[in-house]
């Protein structure tokens, strides 16, 4: 088992890496880095590539990498599906996501009816959610984009989640969540605002991304943090993080290309407050990787030999068990008073892994973690089943 750093900077909080396999076989990661604890992803967007299957990483501004494609903000670069289509058209689809604004525009933005939050690092600004999804396409290699935005009514925040899938039929599925939530308190582990409404949807396209339609799925405890995998039978398995109930990942299935879904039930996988990633291995087994936000905090993975009907919990893989430390950032001295006790107790801030099967059959899993040096950073582990 081999651990490598993808991106790390003293005094900066670097979290939620997004892994892509590029057409040339190289790997690309997009990740947010901020001088404050940042769950909104409103900092600096870093794009790194690896030409040796994750052993080394370096920054890249190459416009051919989808992480570098045009977006209305940093958060949008995270919560989207991207594809270069056969005719060369670039497709980018997702949610607009969190935005930051100067304080003097707060009354204006509040009047729109979106969620308002304190800025985690700058008292002269605030953060807002947004209730729009978008589709954008480019036919000139990203020089210009044709963009359409869609408003979700009667909610104050909508987010896609970067665990989309393109099925063998060509159907595209993107997990989306929308909810109403009181404005004000920062949405971080340990300081959770009570949501008054919560909805999970699958945003679905059957025409190569030209149009998408929202289909309801799940129950009120389902978040948008879901992962899909297409099984050998053609059925779609979905595992999803639930909040605030339970600690088990929830399971749903679809046998009509993601149009309708079974009611969620608890899986065997205990992963409180952590989203999953699903990967179908070349031999047909299903790998679920997830952050483990209880002691010892770290990154874990588990295999299913029967299309997710059961999971080999007794042989869970522990990739990391050395996380759980508090990240120290440049802005921590300016943290709001209500964060002081939470910061002092420590943080379960870890995880969001994604896994990929490499050319030799080994697995590369990317994630974020804070070790005993108190620097939250993006890392990866190469390991074997």
Protein backbone atom coordinates (compact mmCIF):
# COMPACT_ATOMS: atom_id res chain seq x y z
CA UNK A 1 0.00 0.00 0.00
CA UNK A 2 1.51 3.30 -1.12
CA UNK A 3 0.38 6.81 -0.05
CA UNK A 4 1.12 9.94 -2.08
CA UNK A 5 0.32 13.64 -1.66
CA UNK A 6 -1.62 15.24 -4.52
CA UNK A 7 -1.73 18.83 -3.25
CA UNK A 8 -0.74 20.26 0.13
CA UNK A 9 -0.03 23.80 1.32
CA UNK A 10 0.69 24.87 4.88
CA UNK A 11 -2.06 27.08 6.28
CA UNK A 12 -4.52 26.10 3.56
CA UNK A 13 -7.50 23.78 3.66
CA UNK A 14 -7.44 21.56 0.55
CA UNK A 15 -10.39 19.18 0.31
CA UNK A 16 -12.84 17.31 -1.90
CA UNK A 17 -10.59 16.15 -4.77
CA UNK A 18 -12.37 15.15 -7.97
CA UNK A 19 -10.66 12.42 -10.04
CA UNK A 20 -10.95 12.01 -13.83
CA UNK A 21 -9.33 9.51 -16.18
CA UNK A 22 -8.32 11.43 -19.30
CA UNK A 23 -8.53 10.06 -22.87
CA UNK A 24 -4.72 9.77 -23.05
CA UNK A 25 -4.68 7.56 -19.95
CA UNK A 26 -3.31 10.22 -17.63
CA UNK A 27 -5.12 11.16 -14.42
CA UNK A 28 -6.48 14.59 -13.51
CA UNK A 29 -7.66 15.91 -10.16
CA UNK A 30 -9.51 19.14 -9.50
CA UNK A 31 -9.55 20.33 -5.88
CA UNK A 32 -10.52 23.42 -3.89
CA UNK A 33 -7.92 25.07 -1.64
CA UNK A 34 -8.70 27.91 0.78
CA UNK A 35 -6.93 29.77 3.62
CA UNK A 36 -9.91 28.85 5.84
CA UNK A 37 -12.01 25.75 6.49
CA UNK A 38 -14.16 25.71 3.38
CA UNK A 39 -17.08 23.36 2.77
CA UNK A 40 -18.57 25.76 0.25
CA UNK A 41 -15.69 25.46 -2.24
CA UNK A 42 -15.21 29.18 -2.80
CA UNK A 43 -11.41 29.25 -2.70
CA UNK A 44 -8.76 28.57 -5.34
CA UNK A 45 -9.39 25.78 -7.84
CA UNK A 46 -6.29 23.67 -8.40
CA UNK A 47 -5.95 21.20 -11.28
CA UNK A 48 -3.23 18.58 -11.14
CA UNK A 49 -2.30 15.75 -13.48
CA UNK A 50 -0.40 12.52 -13.05
CA UNK A 51 1.38 10.83 -15.94
CA UNK A 52 2.47 7.82 -13.84
CA UNK A 53 -0.83 6.52 -12.43
CA UNK A 54 -0.74 8.61 -9.28
CA UNK A 55 2.89 8.40 -8.17
CA UNK A 56 3.58 12.08 -8.88
CA UNK A 57 1.35 15.10 -9.54
CA UNK A 58 1.88 18.55 -11.01
CA UNK A 59 -0.38 21.53 -11.68
CA UNK A 60 -1.75 22.12 -15.16
CA UNK A 61 -3.75 24.85 -16.86
CA UNK A 62 -4.38 22.75 -19.97
CA UNK A 63 -7.79 23.76 -21.35
CA UNK A 64 -8.33 20.24 -22.68
CA UNK A 65 -8.70 19.00 -19.09
CA UNK A 66 -12.39 19.21 -18.17
CA UNK A 67 -11.55 20.47 -14.66
CA UNK A 68 -10.33 23.65 -16.40
CA UNK A 69 -13.47 24.22 -18.47
CA UNK A 70 -15.45 27.42 -18.03
CA UNK A 71 -17.74 27.75 -14.99
CA UNK A 72 -19.62 30.50 -13.15
CA UNK A 73 -17.68 29.77 -9.95
CA UNK A 74 -15.38 27.33 -8.21
CA UNK A 75 -18.20 25.26 -6.72
CA UNK A 76 -19.70 24.71 -10.16
CA UNK A 77 -16.43 23.11 -11.30
CA UNK A 78 -16.89 20.49 -8.60
CA UNK A 79 -20.60 19.66 -8.87
CA UNK A 80 -20.83 18.81 -12.57
CA UNK A 81 -20.69 16.10 -15.21
CA UNK A 82 -18.33 16.73 -18.12
CA UNK A 83 -17.85 14.91 -21.40
CA UNK A 84 -16.14 15.39 -24.74
CA UNK A 85 -18.63 13.90 -27.19
CA UNK A 86 -17.87 11.99 -30.38
CA UNK A 87 -18.42 15.05 -32.58
CA UNK A 88 -16.07 17.15 -30.41
CA UNK A 89 -18.81 18.99 -28.54
CA UNK A 90 -17.93 19.73 -24.91
CA UNK A 91 -20.75 19.06 -22.45
CA UNK A 92 -20.86 20.40 -18.90
CA UNK A 93 -23.92 19.82 -16.69
CA UNK A 94 -24.53 20.38 -12.99
CA UNK A 95 -25.55 22.89 -10.32
CA UNK A 96 -24.49 26.51 -9.93
CA UNK A 97 -23.80 25.96 -6.23
CA UNK A 98 -22.47 28.23 -3.49
CA UNK A 99 -21.47 31.81 -4.26
CA UNK A 100 -19.71 34.50 -2.24
CA UNK A 101 -20.88 38.12 -2.18
CA UNK A 102 -19.92 41.44 -0.53
CA UNK A 103 -21.97 42.23 2.59
CA UNK A 104 -23.56 45.27 0.96
CA UNK A 105 -25.50 42.97 -1.39
CA UNK A 106 -27.00 40.75 1.31
CA UNK A 107 -30.48 42.30 1.28
CA UNK A 108 -30.57 41.98 -2.50
CA UNK A 109 -29.56 38.32 -2.52
CA UNK A 110 -31.83 37.43 0.40
CA UNK A 111 -34.77 38.79 -1.62
CA UNK A 112 -34.11 36.11 -4.25
CA UNK A 113 -35.07 33.51 -1.64
CA UNK A 114 -31.82 31.55 -1.54
CA UNK A 115 -29.94 30.23 1.47
CA UNK A 116 -27.65 32.73 3.24
CA UNK A 117 -24.61 31.65 5.31
CA UNK A 118 -21.81 33.40 7.18
CA UNK A 119 -18.57 33.54 5.22
CA UNK A 120 -16.07 31.16 6.87
CA UNK A 121 -13.04 33.39 6.33
CA UNK A 122 -14.01 36.99 5.53
CA UNK A 123 -16.43 39.05 7.65
CA UNK A 124 -16.87 41.56 4.81
CA UNK A 125 -18.56 38.87 2.69
CA UNK A 126 -21.33 36.28 2.95
CA UNK A 127 -22.12 33.05 1.13
CA UNK A 128 -25.33 32.09 -0.59
CA UNK A 129 -26.73 28.85 -1.90
CA UNK A 130 -28.44 28.83 -5.27
CA UNK A 131 -31.44 27.02 -6.69
CA UNK A 132 -30.39 26.53 -10.31
CA UNK A 133 -29.11 23.71 -12.50
CA UNK A 134 -27.34 24.33 -15.80
CA UNK A 135 -26.47 22.72 -19.11
CA UNK A 136 -23.69 24.22 -21.21
CA UNK A 137 -22.15 23.09 -24.50
CA UNK A 138 -19.26 24.28 -26.60
CA UNK A 139 -18.64 23.49 -30.26
CA UNK A 140 -15.33 25.39 -30.52
CA UNK A 141 -13.14 23.61 -27.95
CA UNK A 142 -14.33 25.77 -25.06
CA UNK A 143 -13.79 29.20 -26.59
CA UNK A 144 -17.51 29.97 -26.32
CA UNK A 145 -20.36 28.22 -24.52
CA UNK A 146 -24.10 27.97 -25.03
CA UNK A 147 -25.63 27.88 -21.54
CA UNK A 148 -29.12 27.17 -20.21
CA UNK A 149 -30.10 27.52 -16.54
CA UNK A 150 -33.12 26.00 -14.80
CA UNK A 151 -34.60 27.21 -11.51
CA UNK A 152 -35.93 24.70 -8.99
CA UNK A 153 -38.99 26.30 -7.32
CA UNK A 154 -39.81 26.37 -3.61
CA UNK A 155 -36.31 25.55 -2.38
CA UNK A 156 -33.45 27.79 -1.28
CA UNK A 157 -30.53 25.61 -2.27
CA UNK A 158 -29.82 22.97 -4.92
CA UNK A 159 -26.66 20.92 -5.39
CA UNK A 160 -25.56 18.24 -7.80
CA UNK A 161 -22.92 15.76 -6.65
CA UNK A 162 -19.89 14.63 -8.70
CA UNK A 163 -20.75 10.92 -8.82
CA UNK A 164 -22.56 10.87 -12.20
CA UNK A 165 -22.61 7.95 -14.59
CA UNK A 166 -23.05 7.37 -18.30
CA UNK A 167 -24.73 4.01 -18.89
CA UNK A 168 -23.98 1.61 -21.73
CA UNK A 169 -27.28 2.79 -23.29
CA UNK A 170 -25.91 6.37 -23.40
CA UNK A 171 -28.24 7.58 -20.64
CA UNK A 172 -26.60 10.10 -18.27
CA UNK A 173 -27.55 10.14 -14.58
CA UNK A 174 -26.55 12.92 -12.18
CA UNK A 175 -27.47 12.94 -8.45
CA UNK A 176 -29.13 16.19 -7.33
CA UNK A 177 -30.48 17.35 -3.97
CA UNK A 178 -32.57 20.37 -3.06
CA UNK A 179 -33.78 21.57 0.31
CA UNK A 180 -34.98 24.39 2.48
CA UNK A 181 -32.83 25.29 5.44
CA UNK A 182 -32.66 28.18 7.93
CA UNK A 183 -30.10 30.80 6.94
CA UNK A 184 -27.25 31.91 9.17
CA UNK A 185 -25.28 29.13 10.86
CA UNK A 186 -22.43 27.57 8.95
CA UNK A 187 -23.12 24.06 7.67
CA UNK A 188 -20.21 22.06 9.06
CA UNK A 189 -19.94 18.75 10.95
CA UNK A 190 -21.00 19.28 14.57
CA UNK A 191 -22.93 22.50 13.76
CA UNK A 192 -25.77 21.19 11.61
CA UNK A 193 -28.79 23.33 10.79
CA UNK A 194 -32.15 21.54 10.76
CA UNK A 195 -33.50 21.17 7.25
CA UNK A 196 -37.22 21.79 6.88
CA UNK A 197 -37.47 19.97 3.54
CA UNK A 198 -35.16 17.67 1.63
CA UNK A 199 -35.48 16.12 -1.83
CA UNK A 200 -33.30 13.75 -3.83
CA UNK A 201 -33.54 13.66 -7.61
CA UNK A 202 -31.86 11.97 -10.53
CA UNK A 203 -31.19 14.42 -13.37
CA UNK A 204 -31.43 12.25 -16.45
CA UNK A 205 -30.66 12.63 -20.16
CA UNK A 206 -31.37 10.14 -22.95
CA UNK A 207 -30.29 12.39 -25.85
CA UNK A 208 -26.54 12.86 -25.32
CA UNK A 209 -27.03 15.69 -22.86
CA UNK A 210 -29.08 18.00 -25.06
CA UNK A 211 -31.94 17.87 -22.55
CA UNK A 212 -32.23 16.68 -18.96
CA UNK A 213 -35.24 15.91 -16.79
CA UNK A 214 -35.50 15.63 -13.00
CA UNK A 215 -36.92 12.40 -11.61
CA UNK A 216 -37.70 12.09 -7.88
CA UNK A 217 -36.09 9.29 -5.90
CA UNK A 218 -35.31 8.38 -2.33
CA UNK A 219 -36.81 9.61 0.92
CA UNK A 220 -36.51 12.79 3.05
CA UNK A 221 -33.34 11.50 4.77
CA UNK A 222 -31.49 11.08 1.46
CA UNK A 223 -28.87 13.72 0.68
CA UNK A 224 -27.59 14.49 -2.82
CA UNK A 225 -24.37 12.61 -2.00
CA UNK A 226 -25.11 9.47 -3.99
CA UNK A 227 -23.07 7.16 -6.21
CA UNK A 228 -24.25 4.98 -9.10
CA UNK A 229 -22.88 1.84 -10.70
CA UNK A 230 -24.25 -0.15 -13.64
CA UNK A 231 -24.41 -3.85 -12.89
CA UNK A 232 -23.82 -6.68 -15.38
CA UNK A 233 -27.58 -7.26 -15.54
CA UNK A 234 -28.16 -3.65 -16.61
CA UNK A 235 -29.72 -2.75 -13.28
CA UNK A 236 -28.41 0.43 -11.61
CA UNK A 237 -27.29 0.31 -7.99
CA UNK A 238 -27.24 3.53 -5.99
CA UNK A 239 -25.70 4.00 -2.54
CA UNK A 240 -26.42 7.25 -0.77
CA UNK A 241 -25.47 9.16 2.36
CA UNK A 242 -28.36 9.78 4.74
CA UNK A 243 -28.77 12.65 7.19
CA UNK A 244 -29.47 12.96 10.03
CA UNK A 245 -30.75 9.42 10.54
CA UNK A 246 -28.81 6.18 10.72
CA UNK A 247 -25.15 5.78 9.82
CA UNK A 248 -25.54 3.12 7.20
CA UNK A 249 -25.34 3.94 3.52
CA UNK A 250 -28.77 3.62 1.95
CA UNK A 251 -29.37 1.44 -1.10
CA UNK A 252 -31.71 1.97 -4.07
CA UNK A 253 -32.03 0.18 -7.42
CA UNK A 254 -33.42 1.01 -10.83
CA UNK A 255 -34.23 -1.40 -13.67
CA UNK A 256 -35.30 1.25 -16.23
CA UNK A 257 -32.12 3.25 -16.83
CA UNK A 258 -32.59 5.43 -13.76
CA UNK A 259 -36.12 6.66 -14.41
CA UNK A 260 -37.69 5.05 -11.34
CA UNK A 261 -36.10 3.77 -8.15
CA UNK A 262 -36.83 1.38 -5.33
CA UNK A 263 -37.47 2.83 -1.88
CA UNK A 264 -34.17 3.22 0.05
CA UNK A 265 -33.15 0.54 2.53
CA UNK A 266 -30.10 0.32 4.78
CA UNK A 267 -27.07 -1.39 3.29
CA UNK A 268 -24.53 -3.28 5.42
CA UNK A 269 -21.98 -0.47 5.12
CA UNK A 270 -21.54 1.68 8.23
CA UNK A 271 -20.30 5.08 7.02
CA UNK A 272 -21.83 7.85 9.19
CA UNK A 273 -21.82 11.32 7.63
CA UNK A 274 -19.80 10.14 4.64
CA UNK A 275 -20.66 9.66 0.95
CA UNK A 276 -19.74 6.56 -1.05
CA UNK A 277 -18.03 5.94 -4.35
CA UNK A 278 -18.89 2.87 -6.44
CA UNK A 279 -16.65 1.18 -9.00
CA UNK A 280 -17.31 -1.91 -11.10
CA UNK A 281 -14.04 -3.83 -11.36
CA UNK A 282 -12.97 -5.61 -14.52
CA UNK A 283 -13.84 -8.97 -12.97
CA UNK A 284 -17.40 -7.80 -12.25
CA UNK A 285 -17.07 -7.25 -8.51
CA UNK A 286 -18.29 -3.95 -7.03
CA UNK A 287 -15.97 -1.80 -4.91
CA UNK A 288 -17.40 0.76 -2.49
CA UNK A 289 -14.93 3.26 -0.99
CA UNK A 290 -15.87 5.73 1.74
CA UNK A 291 -14.49 7.96 4.46
CA UNK A 292 -14.70 6.56 7.98
CA UNK A 293 -15.60 9.43 10.30
CA UNK A 294 -15.33 7.58 13.60
CA UNK A 295 -12.21 6.57 15.49
CA UNK A 296 -9.86 5.55 14.00
CA UNK A 297 -10.70 8.03 11.25
CA UNK A 298 -9.54 7.26 7.76
CA UNK A 299 -10.46 5.76 4.40
CA UNK A 300 -12.02 2.33 3.90
CA UNK A 301 -13.28 0.13 1.09
CA UNK A 302 -15.39 -3.00 0.83
CA UNK A 303 -16.19 -5.49 -1.94
CA UNK A 304 -19.46 -7.04 -3.12
CA UNK A 305 -19.33 -10.34 -5.01
CA UNK A 306 -23.06 -10.38 -5.83
CA UNK A 307 -23.93 -7.00 -7.36
CA UNK A 308 -24.39 -5.28 -4.02
CA UNK A 309 -26.85 -7.76 -2.53
CA UNK A 310 -24.29 -8.28 0.23
CA UNK A 311 -20.93 -6.76 1.17
CA UNK A 312 -17.85 -8.54 2.52
CA UNK A 313 -17.78 -6.46 5.69
CA UNK A 314 -15.57 -8.97 7.53
CA UNK A 315 -12.83 -8.25 5.00
CA UNK A 316 -13.09 -4.46 4.86
CA UNK A 317 -9.95 -2.77 3.51
CA UNK A 318 -8.51 0.00 5.71
CA UNK A 319 -6.51 2.33 3.47
CA UNK A 320 -5.90 4.98 6.13
CA UNK A 321 -6.54 5.05 9.89
CA UNK A 322 -4.35 8.02 10.77
CA UNK A 323 -6.72 10.94 10.11
CA UNK A 324 -9.01 12.95 12.36
CA UNK A 325 -6.73 15.85 13.26
CA UNK A 326 -7.86 19.48 13.08
CA UNK A 327 -6.64 21.48 10.10
CA UNK A 328 -4.96 24.76 11.03
CA UNK A 329 -5.48 27.52 8.47
CA UNK A 330 -4.36 31.09 8.00
CA UNK A 331 -7.83 32.37 8.91
CA UNK A 332 -8.47 30.30 12.04
CA UNK A 333 -7.77 33.29 14.31
CA UNK A 334 -10.76 35.01 12.71
CA UNK A 335 -13.11 32.04 13.09
CA UNK A 336 -16.60 32.88 14.37
CA UNK A 337 -17.11 32.35 18.09
CA UNK A 338 -19.51 29.47 17.56
CA UNK A 339 -16.71 27.47 15.91
CA UNK A 340 -14.25 27.75 18.79
CA UNK A 341 -15.46 24.77 20.82
CA UNK A 342 -15.96 22.64 17.72
CA UNK A 343 -12.42 23.34 16.51
CA UNK A 344 -10.95 22.57 19.91
CA UNK A 345 -12.64 19.14 20.09
CA UNK A 346 -11.29 18.01 16.76
CA UNK A 347 -12.91 17.27 13.43
CA UNK A 348 -14.21 14.26 11.55
CA UNK A 349 -13.39 16.15 8.38
CA UNK A 350 -12.04 13.47 6.08
CA UNK A 351 -12.95 11.35 3.10
CA UNK A 352 -14.93 11.85 -0.12
CA UNK A 353 -12.85 9.15 -1.83
CA UNK A 354 -12.97 8.10 -5.47
CA UNK A 355 -11.35 4.91 -6.75
CA UNK A 356 -10.03 3.81 -10.13
CA UNK A 357 -8.70 0.46 -11.34
CA UNK A 358 -5.26 0.94 -12.87
CA UNK A 359 -3.64 -0.86 -15.81
CA UNK A 360 -2.07 -3.54 -13.58
CA UNK A 361 -5.28 -4.22 -11.68
CA UNK A 362 -4.27 -2.25 -8.60
CA UNK A 363 -6.58 0.42 -7.21
CA UNK A 364 -5.92 4.15 -6.87
CA UNK A 365 -8.12 5.93 -4.34
CA UNK A 366 -8.03 9.73 -3.96
CA UNK A 367 -9.42 11.58 -0.92
CA UNK A 368 -8.66 14.36 1.53
CA UNK A 369 -7.23 13.92 5.00
CA UNK A 370 -5.68 15.82 7.94
CA UNK A 371 -2.72 14.14 9.64
CA UNK A 372 -0.84 15.08 12.80
CA UNK A 373 0.79 18.06 11.08
CA UNK A 374 -2.68 19.70 10.97
CA UNK A 375 -2.60 20.44 7.22
CA UNK A 376 -5.76 19.34 5.41
CA UNK A 377 -4.70 18.11 1.98
CA UNK A 378 -5.53 15.96 -1.03
CA UNK A 379 -3.84 12.56 -1.15
CA UNK A 380 -4.09 9.18 -2.82
CA UNK A 381 -3.37 5.55 -2.01
CA UNK A 382 -2.36 2.85 -4.47
CA UNK A 383 -3.31 -0.57 -3.19
CA UNK A 384 -4.18 -4.13 -4.19
CA UNK A 385 -7.22 -6.26 -3.53
